[in-house]
Amino acid sequence: MPRIRESTKDFTAPDGPKSWQEEQAEEQGKFSLELMFAEVRVAHTRADELEDRIKQRKRFAYIFVGIAAFWLLLVLLVVVLHGTENVKLDLSEAVILALIGTGTAHAIAPAILVAKYLFGVPKEE
């Protein structure tokens, strides 16, 4: 004669309906899988954003170097022309100093502000 289980609490037929615990475990597994996929999508999005920032930083770095180089060449040209006797560029020293000082400040200050924004230390999330 076959033995009968003393406790039928955890007994389910092989082809019978799932118990409440099995359904909950299955739902939890589906939720965990969806959560992992969402985390992967977030990670890919952040990686794409970082890649875009790097491209933007490179582009603006070239622009800043170009502006600074152009400005230095322009100031050098004005100073050389002022010092050359063959070219009639008769400006007083105060005008030359004002041109160099204010022009340089106006060219470099925005570049510094934008560079700090682009290349500054990122905030902790």
N, C-alpha and C. Protein backbone atom coordinates (compact mmCIF):
# COMPACT_ATOMS: atom_id res chain seq x y z
N MET A 1 0.84 -1.17 0.00
CA MET A 1 0.00 0.00 0.00
C MET A 1 0.90 1.24 0.00
N PRO A 2 0.61 2.26 -0.89
CA PRO A 2 1.46 3.46 -0.94
C PRO A 2 1.29 4.30 0.32
N ARG A 3 2.37 4.99 0.64
CA ARG A 3 2.35 5.85 1.83
C ARG A 3 1.62 7.14 1.52
N ILE A 4 0.86 7.62 2.43
CA ILE A 4 0.13 8.87 2.28
C ILE A 4 0.89 9.93 3.07
N ARG A 5 1.04 11.07 2.44
CA ARG A 5 1.75 12.17 3.11
C ARG A 5 0.97 12.61 4.32
N GLU A 6 1.74 12.95 5.33
CA GLU A 6 1.08 13.44 6.54
C GLU A 6 0.64 14.89 6.36
N SER A 7 1.44 15.63 5.61
CA SER A 7 1.11 17.03 5.41
C SER A 7 0.89 17.26 3.92
N THR A 8 -0.21 17.82 3.55
CA THR A 8 -0.50 18.11 2.14
C THR A 8 -0.38 19.61 1.87
N LYS A 9 0.23 20.30 2.78
CA LYS A 9 0.34 21.76 2.66
C LYS A 9 1.12 22.18 1.42
N ASP A 10 2.23 21.48 1.12
CA ASP A 10 3.08 21.89 0.01
C ASP A 10 2.92 20.97 -1.18
N PHE A 11 1.90 20.16 -1.19
CA PHE A 11 1.69 19.21 -2.28
C PHE A 11 0.81 19.83 -3.36
N THR A 12 1.30 19.76 -4.60
CA THR A 12 0.48 20.15 -5.75
C THR A 12 0.66 19.08 -6.81
N ALA A 13 -0.33 18.86 -7.56
CA ALA A 13 -0.26 17.86 -8.62
C ALA A 13 0.69 18.35 -9.70
N PRO A 14 1.40 17.44 -10.37
CA PRO A 14 2.34 17.86 -11.40
C PRO A 14 1.71 18.69 -12.50
N ASP A 15 0.53 18.40 -12.92
CA ASP A 15 -0.11 19.15 -13.98
C ASP A 15 -1.21 20.06 -13.46
N GLY A 16 -1.29 20.19 -12.18
CA GLY A 16 -2.36 20.96 -11.58
C GLY A 16 -2.06 22.45 -11.56
N PRO A 17 -2.96 23.23 -11.01
CA PRO A 17 -2.75 24.68 -10.94
C PRO A 17 -1.57 25.03 -10.02
N LYS A 18 -0.99 26.20 -10.31
CA LYS A 18 0.15 26.67 -9.52
C LYS A 18 -0.33 27.21 -8.18
N SER A 19 0.52 27.04 -7.22
CA SER A 19 0.18 27.57 -5.90
C SER A 19 0.40 29.09 -5.89
N TRP A 20 -0.11 29.73 -4.87
CA TRP A 20 0.02 31.18 -4.75
C TRP A 20 1.49 31.58 -4.65
N GLN A 21 2.29 30.81 -3.93
CA GLN A 21 3.72 31.11 -3.77
C GLN A 21 4.44 31.00 -5.11
N GLU A 22 4.10 30.00 -5.92
CA GLU A 22 4.74 29.85 -7.22
C GLU A 22 4.38 31.00 -8.15
N GLU A 23 3.14 31.44 -8.11
CA GLU A 23 2.72 32.57 -8.95
C GLU A 23 3.44 33.85 -8.53
N GLN A 24 3.57 34.05 -7.22
CA GLN A 24 4.27 35.23 -6.71
C GLN A 24 5.75 35.20 -7.11
N ALA A 25 6.38 34.03 -7.01
CA ALA A 25 7.78 33.90 -7.39
C ALA A 25 7.97 34.17 -8.88
N GLU A 26 7.04 33.69 -9.69
CA GLU A 26 7.11 33.93 -11.13
C GLU A 26 6.95 35.42 -11.44
N GLU A 27 5.99 36.08 -10.80
CA GLU A 27 5.79 37.52 -10.99
C GLU A 27 7.04 38.29 -10.55
N GLN A 28 7.62 37.89 -9.43
CA GLN A 28 8.83 38.56 -8.92
C GLN A 28 9.97 38.41 -9.91
N GLY A 29 10.08 37.23 -10.51
CA GLY A 29 11.12 37.00 -11.51
C GLY A 29 10.93 37.88 -12.73
N LYS A 30 9.69 38.01 -13.20
CA LYS A 30 9.41 38.88 -14.34
C LYS A 30 9.74 40.33 -14.00
N PHE A 31 9.36 40.75 -12.80
CA PHE A 31 9.65 42.12 -12.38
C PHE A 31 11.15 42.36 -12.31
N SER A 32 11.89 41.40 -11.77
CA SER A 32 13.35 41.55 -11.66
C SER A 32 13.98 41.65 -13.04
N LEU A 33 13.50 40.86 -13.99
CA LEU A 33 14.03 40.91 -15.34
C LEU A 33 13.74 42.25 -16.00
N GLU A 34 12.51 42.76 -15.84
CA GLU A 34 12.17 44.07 -16.40
C GLU A 34 13.00 45.17 -15.75
N LEU A 35 13.26 45.05 -14.46
CA LEU A 35 14.08 46.02 -13.76
C LEU A 35 15.51 46.02 -14.30
N MET A 36 16.05 44.83 -14.55
CA MET A 36 17.40 44.74 -15.10
C MET A 36 17.47 45.37 -16.49
N PHE A 37 16.45 45.13 -17.34
CA PHE A 37 16.42 45.73 -18.66
C PHE A 37 16.33 47.24 -18.57
N ALA A 38 15.55 47.74 -17.64
CA ALA A 38 15.44 49.20 -17.46
C ALA A 38 16.78 49.79 -17.02
N GLU A 39 17.48 49.11 -16.12
CA GLU A 39 18.78 49.59 -15.68
C GLU A 39 19.78 49.60 -16.83
N VAL A 40 19.72 48.62 -17.70
CA VAL A 40 20.61 48.57 -18.86
C VAL A 40 20.30 49.73 -19.80
N ARG A 41 19.00 50.00 -20.02
CA ARG A 41 18.63 51.13 -20.88
C ARG A 41 19.11 52.45 -20.30
N VAL A 42 19.00 52.62 -18.99
CA VAL A 42 19.49 53.85 -18.33
C VAL A 42 20.99 53.96 -18.49
N ALA A 43 21.70 52.86 -18.32
CA ALA A 43 23.16 52.89 -18.48
C ALA A 43 23.56 53.26 -19.91
N HIS A 44 22.85 52.74 -20.90
CA HIS A 44 23.13 53.09 -22.29
C HIS A 44 22.84 54.57 -22.55
N THR A 45 21.76 55.06 -21.98
CA THR A 45 21.42 56.48 -22.16
C THR A 45 22.49 57.37 -21.55
N ARG A 46 22.96 57.03 -20.35
CA ARG A 46 24.02 57.82 -19.72
C ARG A 46 25.31 57.75 -20.52
N ALA A 47 25.62 56.60 -21.06
CA ALA A 47 26.83 56.46 -21.88
C ALA A 47 26.72 57.33 -23.13
N ASP A 48 25.54 57.35 -23.76
CA ASP A 48 25.34 58.20 -24.94
C ASP A 48 25.48 59.67 -24.57
N GLU A 49 24.93 60.07 -23.42
CA GLU A 49 25.05 61.46 -22.98
C GLU A 49 26.51 61.83 -22.74
N LEU A 50 27.26 60.95 -22.11
CA LEU A 50 28.69 61.23 -21.87
C LEU A 50 29.44 61.33 -23.18
N GLU A 51 29.12 60.49 -24.14
CA GLU A 51 29.78 60.55 -25.43
C GLU A 51 29.47 61.87 -26.13
N ASP A 52 28.22 62.32 -26.06
CA ASP A 52 27.85 63.61 -26.65
C ASP A 52 28.58 64.75 -25.96
N ARG A 53 28.69 64.70 -24.63
CA ARG A 53 29.42 65.74 -23.91
C ARG A 53 30.89 65.79 -24.33
N ILE A 54 31.50 64.62 -24.51
CA ILE A 54 32.90 64.58 -24.92
C ILE A 54 33.07 65.21 -26.30
N LYS A 55 32.16 64.89 -27.23
CA LYS A 55 32.22 65.49 -28.56
C LYS A 55 32.05 67.00 -28.48
N GLN A 56 31.11 67.46 -27.65
CA GLN A 56 30.87 68.89 -27.50
C GLN A 56 32.09 69.57 -26.89
N ARG A 57 32.70 68.96 -25.90
CA ARG A 57 33.88 69.53 -25.26
C ARG A 57 35.03 69.66 -26.25
N LYS A 58 35.22 68.64 -27.07
CA LYS A 58 36.29 68.72 -28.08
C LYS A 58 36.03 69.85 -29.06
N ARG A 59 34.79 69.96 -29.51
CA ARG A 59 34.45 71.01 -30.47
C ARG A 59 34.71 72.40 -29.89
N PHE A 60 34.23 72.62 -28.65
CA PHE A 60 34.43 73.93 -28.04
C PHE A 60 35.88 74.18 -27.67
N ALA A 61 36.62 73.14 -27.35
CA ALA A 61 38.05 73.32 -27.07
C ALA A 61 38.76 73.86 -28.31
N TYR A 62 38.45 73.29 -29.48
CA TYR A 62 39.05 73.80 -30.72
C TYR A 62 38.62 75.24 -30.98
N ILE A 63 37.37 75.56 -30.71
CA ILE A 63 36.88 76.93 -30.92
C ILE A 63 37.62 77.89 -29.99
N PHE A 64 37.76 77.52 -28.71
CA PHE A 64 38.46 78.39 -27.75
C PHE A 64 39.91 78.61 -28.15
N VAL A 65 40.57 77.57 -28.57
CA VAL A 65 41.97 77.71 -29.00
C VAL A 65 42.05 78.61 -30.23
N GLY A 66 41.11 78.45 -31.15
CA GLY A 66 41.09 79.29 -32.35
C GLY A 66 40.86 80.76 -32.02
N ILE A 67 39.91 81.03 -31.13
CA ILE A 67 39.63 82.42 -30.74
C ILE A 67 40.83 83.03 -30.04
N ALA A 68 41.42 82.29 -29.11
CA ALA A 68 42.59 82.81 -28.38
C ALA A 68 43.75 83.07 -29.33
N ALA A 69 44.00 82.14 -30.25
CA ALA A 69 45.10 82.32 -31.20
C ALA A 69 44.84 83.53 -32.11
N PHE A 70 43.61 83.67 -32.59
CA PHE A 70 43.27 84.82 -33.44
C PHE A 70 43.47 86.13 -32.67
N TRP A 71 43.00 86.17 -31.42
CA TRP A 71 43.12 87.39 -30.64
C TRP A 71 44.58 87.74 -30.38
N LEU A 72 45.38 86.75 -30.04
CA LEU A 72 46.81 87.01 -29.80
C LEU A 72 47.49 87.51 -31.06
N LEU A 73 47.15 86.96 -32.19
CA LEU A 73 47.73 87.44 -33.45
C LEU A 73 47.28 88.87 -33.76
N LEU A 74 46.03 89.18 -33.48
CA LEU A 74 45.52 90.53 -33.71
C LEU A 74 46.23 91.55 -32.82
N VAL A 75 46.38 91.22 -31.54
CA VAL A 75 47.07 92.12 -30.61
C VAL A 75 48.53 92.27 -31.03
N LEU A 76 49.16 91.17 -31.43
CA LEU A 76 50.55 91.23 -31.90
C LEU A 76 50.67 92.12 -33.14
N LEU A 77 49.71 92.02 -34.04
CA LEU A 77 49.72 92.85 -35.24
C LEU A 77 49.59 94.34 -34.89
N VAL A 78 48.68 94.67 -33.97
CA VAL A 78 48.52 96.07 -33.56
C VAL A 78 49.79 96.59 -32.90
N VAL A 79 50.40 95.78 -32.04
CA VAL A 79 51.63 96.21 -31.36
C VAL A 79 52.76 96.39 -32.37
N VAL A 80 52.88 95.47 -33.32
CA VAL A 80 53.94 95.59 -34.33
C VAL A 80 53.70 96.80 -35.22
N LEU A 81 52.45 96.99 -35.65
CA LEU A 81 52.15 98.15 -36.50
C LEU A 81 52.37 99.46 -35.74
N HIS A 82 52.08 99.46 -34.45
CA HIS A 82 52.31 100.68 -33.66
C HIS A 82 53.81 100.98 -33.55
N GLY A 83 54.61 99.94 -33.49
CA GLY A 83 56.05 100.13 -33.36
C GLY A 83 56.77 100.36 -34.67
N THR A 84 56.13 100.08 -35.79
CA THR A 84 56.76 100.25 -37.10
C THR A 84 56.62 101.70 -37.55
N GLU A 85 57.72 102.24 -38.05
CA GLU A 85 57.70 103.64 -38.47
C GLU A 85 57.15 103.80 -39.88
N ASN A 86 57.19 102.74 -40.69
CA ASN A 86 56.72 102.83 -42.08
C ASN A 86 55.20 102.91 -42.17
N VAL A 87 54.52 102.32 -41.20
CA VAL A 87 53.06 102.31 -41.21
C VAL A 87 52.57 103.42 -40.29
N LYS A 88 51.63 104.19 -40.78
CA LYS A 88 51.11 105.30 -40.01
C LYS A 88 49.97 104.82 -39.12
N LEU A 89 50.29 104.31 -37.94
CA LEU A 89 49.31 103.91 -36.94
C LEU A 89 49.64 104.71 -35.70
N ASP A 90 49.13 105.91 -35.67
CA ASP A 90 49.50 106.84 -34.62
C ASP A 90 48.47 106.79 -33.49
N LEU A 91 48.71 105.87 -32.55
CA LEU A 91 47.83 105.73 -31.39
C LEU A 91 48.65 106.00 -30.14
N SER A 92 48.02 106.62 -29.18
CA SER A 92 48.73 106.89 -27.93
C SER A 92 48.89 105.58 -27.15
N GLU A 93 49.80 105.61 -26.17
CA GLU A 93 50.03 104.42 -25.36
C GLU A 93 48.78 104.03 -24.56
N ALA A 94 48.04 105.03 -24.12
CA ALA A 94 46.82 104.75 -23.35
C ALA A 94 45.80 104.00 -24.21
N VAL A 95 45.70 104.39 -25.48
CA VAL A 95 44.75 103.73 -26.38
C VAL A 95 45.20 102.30 -26.64
N ILE A 96 46.49 102.09 -26.85
CA ILE A 96 47.02 100.75 -27.09
C ILE A 96 46.79 99.87 -25.86
N LEU A 97 47.10 100.40 -24.68
CA LEU A 97 46.90 99.63 -23.45
C LEU A 97 45.42 99.32 -23.22
N ALA A 98 44.56 100.29 -23.50
CA ALA A 98 43.12 100.05 -23.36
C ALA A 98 42.65 98.99 -24.34
N LEU A 99 43.14 99.06 -25.57
CA LEU A 99 42.78 98.07 -26.59
C LEU A 99 43.22 96.68 -26.16
N ILE A 100 44.44 96.55 -25.74
CA ILE A 100 44.96 95.25 -25.33
C ILE A 100 44.23 94.74 -24.08
N GLY A 101 44.11 95.59 -23.07
CA GLY A 101 43.52 95.16 -21.80
C GLY A 101 42.04 94.81 -21.89
N THR A 102 41.24 95.76 -22.38
CA THR A 102 39.80 95.50 -22.42
C THR A 102 39.43 94.46 -23.48
N GLY A 103 40.10 94.51 -24.58
CA GLY A 103 39.83 93.52 -25.63
C GLY A 103 40.15 92.12 -25.17
N THR A 104 41.28 91.97 -24.51
CA THR A 104 41.67 90.66 -24.00
C THR A 104 40.69 90.18 -22.93
N ALA A 105 40.30 91.07 -22.06
CA ALA A 105 39.35 90.70 -21.01
C ALA A 105 38.01 90.28 -21.61
N HIS A 106 37.56 91.02 -22.63
CA HIS A 106 36.28 90.68 -23.26
C HIS A 106 36.37 89.40 -24.09
N ALA A 107 37.53 89.06 -24.57
CA ALA A 107 37.68 87.83 -25.35
C ALA A 107 37.86 86.61 -24.46
N ILE A 108 38.54 86.78 -23.34
CA ILE A 108 38.88 85.64 -22.50
C ILE A 108 37.81 85.34 -21.46
N ALA A 109 37.16 86.36 -20.91
CA ALA A 109 36.17 86.12 -19.84
C ALA A 109 35.03 85.19 -20.27
N PRO A 110 34.38 85.42 -21.41
CA PRO A 110 33.33 84.47 -21.81
C PRO A 110 33.88 83.07 -22.05
N ALA A 111 35.08 83.00 -22.61
CA ALA A 111 35.68 81.69 -22.84
C ALA A 111 35.91 80.95 -21.53
N ILE A 112 36.34 81.66 -20.51
CA ILE A 112 36.55 81.04 -19.20
C ILE A 112 35.24 80.57 -18.60
N LEU A 113 34.20 81.39 -18.70
CA LEU A 113 32.90 81.00 -18.16
C LEU A 113 32.35 79.75 -18.84
N VAL A 114 32.41 79.73 -20.17
CA VAL A 114 31.90 78.58 -20.90
C VAL A 114 32.78 77.35 -20.65
N ALA A 115 34.08 77.56 -20.57
CA ALA A 115 34.99 76.43 -20.31
C ALA A 115 34.74 75.83 -18.93
N LYS A 116 34.49 76.66 -17.93
CA LYS A 116 34.17 76.13 -16.60
C LYS A 116 32.87 75.35 -16.63
N TYR A 117 31.92 75.82 -17.41
CA TYR A 117 30.65 75.10 -17.51
C TYR A 117 30.86 73.74 -18.20
N LEU A 118 31.64 73.74 -19.29
CA LEU A 118 31.82 72.51 -20.05
C LEU A 118 32.81 71.55 -19.39
N PHE A 119 33.89 72.07 -18.85
CA PHE A 119 34.96 71.21 -18.34
C PHE A 119 35.04 71.14 -16.84
N GLY A 120 34.10 71.77 -16.13
CA GLY A 120 34.12 71.79 -14.69
C GLY A 120 33.92 70.40 -14.10
N VAL A 121 34.11 70.29 -12.81
CA VAL A 121 33.93 69.04 -12.12
C VAL A 121 32.43 68.70 -12.09
N PRO A 122 32.06 67.51 -12.57
CA PRO A 122 30.63 67.17 -12.56
C PRO A 122 30.10 67.01 -11.14
N LYS A 123 28.84 67.37 -10.97
CA LYS A 123 28.21 67.25 -9.65
C LYS A 123 27.92 65.79 -9.36
N GLU A 124 28.05 65.43 -8.10
CA GLU A 124 27.73 64.07 -7.66
C GLU A 124 26.22 63.88 -7.70
N GLU A 125 25.78 62.75 -8.24
CA GLU A 125 24.33 62.48 -8.31
C GLU A 125 23.91 61.64 -7.16
